[in-house]
C-alpha atoms as a PDB file:
ATOM      1  CA  MET A   1      87.152 109.856 166.603  1.00  0.00           C
ATOM      2  CA  GLU A   2      87.954 112.717 168.540  1.00  0.00           C
ATOM      3  CA  LYS A   3      89.100 115.040 165.431  1.00  0.00           C
ATOM      4  CA  ARG A   4      86.331 114.196 163.589  1.00  0.00           C
ATOM      5  CA  SER A   5      83.770 115.626 165.902  1.00  0.00           C
ATOM      6  CA  ILE A   6      86.123 119.014 166.738  1.00  0.00           C
ATOM      7  CA  ILE A   7      86.108 119.347 162.858  1.00  0.00           C
ATOM      8  CA  LYS A   8      82.495 118.822 162.129  1.00  0.00           C
ATOM      9  CA  ASN A   9      82.059 121.465 164.913  1.00  0.00           C
ATOM     10  CA  LYS A  10      84.776 123.881 163.650  1.00  0.00           C
ATOM     11  CA  SER A  11      83.423 123.629 159.945  1.00  0.00           C
ATOM     12  CA  GLU A  12      79.646 124.328 161.137  1.00  0.00           C
ATOM     13  CA  ASN A  13      80.404 127.467 162.976  1.00  0.00           C
ATOM     14  CA  PHE A  14      82.953 128.483 160.248  1.00  0.00           C
ATOM     15  CA  ALA A  15      80.008 128.128 157.665  1.00  0.00           C
ATOM     16  CA  ILE A  16      77.827 130.461 159.622  1.00  0.00           C
ATOM     17  CA  ARG A  17      80.830 133.093 159.956  1.00  0.00           C
ATOM     18  CA  ILE A  18      80.744 132.758 155.987  1.00  0.00           C
ATOM     19  CA  ILE A  19      76.932 133.148 155.608  1.00  0.00           C
ATOM     20  CA  LYS A  20      77.101 136.444 157.568  1.00  0.00           C
ATOM     21  CA  LEU A  21      80.012 137.354 155.336  1.00  0.00           C
ATOM     22  CA  TYR A  22      78.070 136.656 152.207  1.00  0.00           C
ATOM     23  CA  LYS A  23      75.365 138.806 153.625  1.00  0.00           C
ATOM     24  CA  TYR A  24      77.741 141.570 154.657  1.00  0.00           C
ATOM     25  CA  LEU A  25      79.453 141.542 151.232  1.00  0.00           C
ATOM     26  CA  ASN A  26      76.074 142.063 149.874  1.00  0.00           C
ATOM     27  CA  SER A  27      74.972 145.139 151.801  1.00  0.00           C
ATOM     28  CA  LYS A  28      78.117 146.367 150.063  1.00  0.00           C
ATOM     29  CA  SER A  29      76.978 145.905 146.843  1.00  0.00           C
ATOM     30  CA  GLU A  30      79.564 142.842 145.945  1.00  0.00           C
ATOM     31  CA  TYR A  31      77.671 139.760 144.462  1.00  0.00           C
ATOM     32  CA  VAL A  32      80.377 137.880 142.532  1.00  0.00           C
ATOM     33  CA  LEU A  33      83.284 137.288 145.046  1.00  0.00           C
ATOM     34  CA  SER A  34      80.326 136.967 147.882  1.00  0.00           C
ATOM     35  CA  LYS A  35      79.050 133.425 146.253  1.00  0.00           C
ATOM     36  CA  GLN A  36      82.143 132.220 145.527  1.00  0.00           C
ATOM     37  CA  ILE A  37      82.679 132.092 149.383  1.00  0.00           C
ATOM     38  CA  LEU A  38      79.666 131.184 150.007  1.00  0.00           C
ATOM     39  CA  ARG A  39      79.819 128.082 147.697  1.00  0.00           C
ATOM     40  CA  SER A  40      83.468 126.862 148.648  1.00  0.00           C
ATOM     41  CA  GLY A  41      82.891 128.154 153.099  1.00  0.00           C
ATOM     42  CA  THR A  42      79.801 125.929 153.359  1.00  0.00           C
ATOM     43  CA  SER A  43      80.793 123.242 151.490  1.00  0.00           C
ATOM     44  CA  ILE A  44      83.372 122.510 153.826  1.00  0.00           C
ATOM     45  CA  GLY A  45      81.048 121.250 156.808  1.00  0.00           C
ATOM     46  CA  ALA A  46      78.529 119.970 154.159  1.00  0.00           C
ATOM     47  CA  ASN A  47      81.304 117.442 152.530  1.00  0.00           C
ATOM     48  CA  VAL A  48      83.089 116.951 156.549  1.00  0.00           C
ATOM     49  CA  ASN A  49      79.268 115.451 157.170  1.00  0.00           C
ATOM     50  CA  GLU A  50      79.325 113.596 154.466  1.00  0.00           C
ATOM     51  CA  ALA A  51      82.453 112.007 155.273  1.00  0.00           C
ATOM     52  CA  LEU A  52      80.887 111.232 158.902  1.00  0.00           C
ATOM     53  CA  CYS A  53      78.585 109.189 157.247  1.00  0.00           C
ATOM     54  CA  GLY A  54      80.717 107.222 154.621  1.00  0.00           C
ATOM     55  CA  ILE A  55      80.020 104.041 154.343  1.00  0.00           C
ATOM     56  CA  SER A  56      83.983 103.097 153.791  1.00  0.00           C
ATOM     57  CA  ARG A  57      87.144 104.538 154.866  1.00  0.00           C
ATOM     58  CA  LYS A  58      87.775 105.505 151.134  1.00  0.00           C
ATOM     59  CA  ASP A  59      84.626 106.684 151.184  1.00  0.00           C
ATOM     60  CA  PHE A  60      85.051 108.849 154.143  1.00  0.00           C
ATOM     61  CA  LEU A  61      88.865 110.080 152.703  1.00  0.00           C
ATOM     62  CA  SER A  62      87.385 111.359 149.433  1.00  0.00           C
ATOM     63  CA  LYS A  63      84.740 113.371 151.271  1.00  0.00           C
ATOM     64  CA  MET A  64      87.487 114.853 154.069  1.00  0.00           C
ATOM     65  CA  TYR A  65      89.478 115.600 151.069  1.00  0.00           C
ATOM     66  CA  ILE A  66      86.757 117.255 148.667  1.00  0.00           C
ATOM     67  CA  ALA A  67      86.605 119.215 152.380  1.00  0.00           C
ATOM     68  CA  TYR A  68      90.231 120.018 152.356  1.00  0.00           C
ATOM     69  CA  LYS A  69      90.148 121.427 148.725  1.00  0.00           C
ATOM     70  CA  GLU A  70      86.966 123.582 150.004  1.00  0.00           C
ATOM     71  CA  ALA A  71      89.215 125.105 152.736  1.00  0.00           C
ATOM     72  CA  VAL A  72      92.199 125.907 150.397  1.00  0.00           C
ATOM     73  CA  GLU A  73      89.484 127.981 147.648  1.00  0.00           C
ATOM     74  CA  THR A  74      87.931 129.460 150.666  1.00  0.00           C
ATOM     75  CA  ILE A  75      91.052 130.466 151.848  1.00  0.00           C
ATOM     76  CA  TYR A  76      91.873 132.027 148.512  1.00  0.00           C
ATOM     77  CA  TRP A  77      88.773 133.736 148.155  1.00  0.00           C
ATOM     78  CA  LEU A  78      89.346 135.282 151.533  1.00  0.00           C
ATOM     79  CA  GLU A  79      92.764 136.928 150.779  1.00  0.00           C
ATOM     80  CA  LEU A  80      91.120 138.463 147.060  1.00  0.00           C
ATOM     81  CA  LEU A  81      88.415 139.905 149.126  1.00  0.00           C
ATOM     82  CA  TYR A  82      91.508 141.098 151.705  1.00  0.00           C
ATOM     83  CA  LYS A  83      93.543 142.515 148.776  1.00  0.00           C
ATOM     84  CA  THR A  84      90.766 144.296 146.813  1.00  0.00           C
ATOM     85  CA  ASP A  85      89.170 145.784 150.341  1.00  0.00           C
ATOM     86  CA  TYR A  86      85.815 144.305 150.601  1.00  0.00           C
ATOM     87  CA  ILE A  87      87.136 143.257 153.817  1.00  0.00           C
ATOM     88  CA  ASN A  88      89.163 145.136 156.042  1.00  0.00           C
ATOM     89  CA  ASN A  89      92.695 143.804 157.940  1.00  0.00           C
ATOM     90  CA  ASP A  90      90.976 142.412 161.167  1.00  0.00           C
ATOM     91  CA  GLU A  91      87.766 141.449 159.444  1.00  0.00           C
ATOM     92  CA  TYR A  92      90.284 139.180 157.379  1.00  0.00           C
ATOM     93  CA  MET A  93      92.377 137.887 160.336  1.00  0.00           C
ATOM     94  CA  SER A  94      89.717 136.544 162.427  1.00  0.00           C
ATOM     95  CA  ILE A  95      88.403 134.730 159.695  1.00  0.00           C
ATOM     96  CA  SER A  96      91.101 133.581 157.742  1.00  0.00           C
ATOM     97  CA  ILE A  97      93.029 132.365 161.104  1.00  0.00           C
ATOM     98  CA  GLU A  98      89.371 129.918 161.212  1.00  0.00           C
ATOM     99  CA  ALA A  99      90.041 129.053 157.961  1.00  0.00           C
ATOM    100  CA  LYS A 100      93.554 127.611 158.047  1.00  0.00           C
ATOM    101  CA  GLU A 101      93.363 126.221 161.491  1.00  0.00           C
ATOM    102  CA  ILE A 102      90.344 124.030 159.474  1.00  0.00           C
ATOM    103  CA  TYR A 103      92.622 123.321 156.662  1.00  0.00           C
ATOM    104  CA  LYS A 104      95.062 121.978 159.248  1.00  0.00           C
ATOM    105  CA  ILE A 105      92.798 119.896 160.849  1.00  0.00           C
ATOM    106  CA  LEU A 106      91.561 118.656 157.504  1.00  0.00           C
ATOM    107  CA  SER A 107      95.180 118.012 156.006  1.00  0.00           C
ATOM    108  CA  SER A 108      95.938 115.926 159.492  1.00  0.00           C
ATOM    109  CA  ILE A 109      93.059 113.928 158.753  1.00  0.00           C
ATOM    110  CA  THR A 110      93.694 113.203 154.898  1.00  0.00           C
ATOM    111  CA  LYS A 111      97.435 112.069 155.812  1.00  0.00           C
ATOM    112  CA  THR A 112      96.624 110.475 158.985  1.00  0.00           C
ATOM    113  CA  THR A 113      93.462 108.270 157.598  1.00  0.00           C
ATOM    114  CA  LYS A 114      95.040 105.450 156.277  1.00  0.00           C
ATOM    115  CA  ILE A 115      93.321 103.027 153.088  1.00  0.00           C
ATOM    116  CA  THR A 116      93.642  99.026 153.416  1.00  0.00           C
ATOM    117  CA  PRO A 117      93.269  96.993 150.511  1.00  0.00           C
ATOM    118  CA  ASN A 118      89.851  96.069 151.286  1.00  0.00           C
ATOM    119  CA  SER A 119      88.342  99.437 152.722  1.00  0.00           C
END
């Protein structure tokens, strides 16, 4: 249960950072990639919250796996933003470290959650 509350807090705080990044990118007149990262970066927390309200272990795992995939996508968008000079090295390192930490936690949750035949 402890990991779940950790991932809930981390994904919510990360979503807040993503929203701020979205606003920053819009101020630089970048509208396409910013919308992509807004969707994937905030979807992580939304799916974690849905997982925590899951009606079964299978439902929980399904939502956590979606959150995991959204984290992978978010990391991809961050790399593109960095490689196209929309964010600098310091900005990239700061937020990508957090994204990769969330990815690792979600990976651990999805690997360690066991599905029993009647769950």
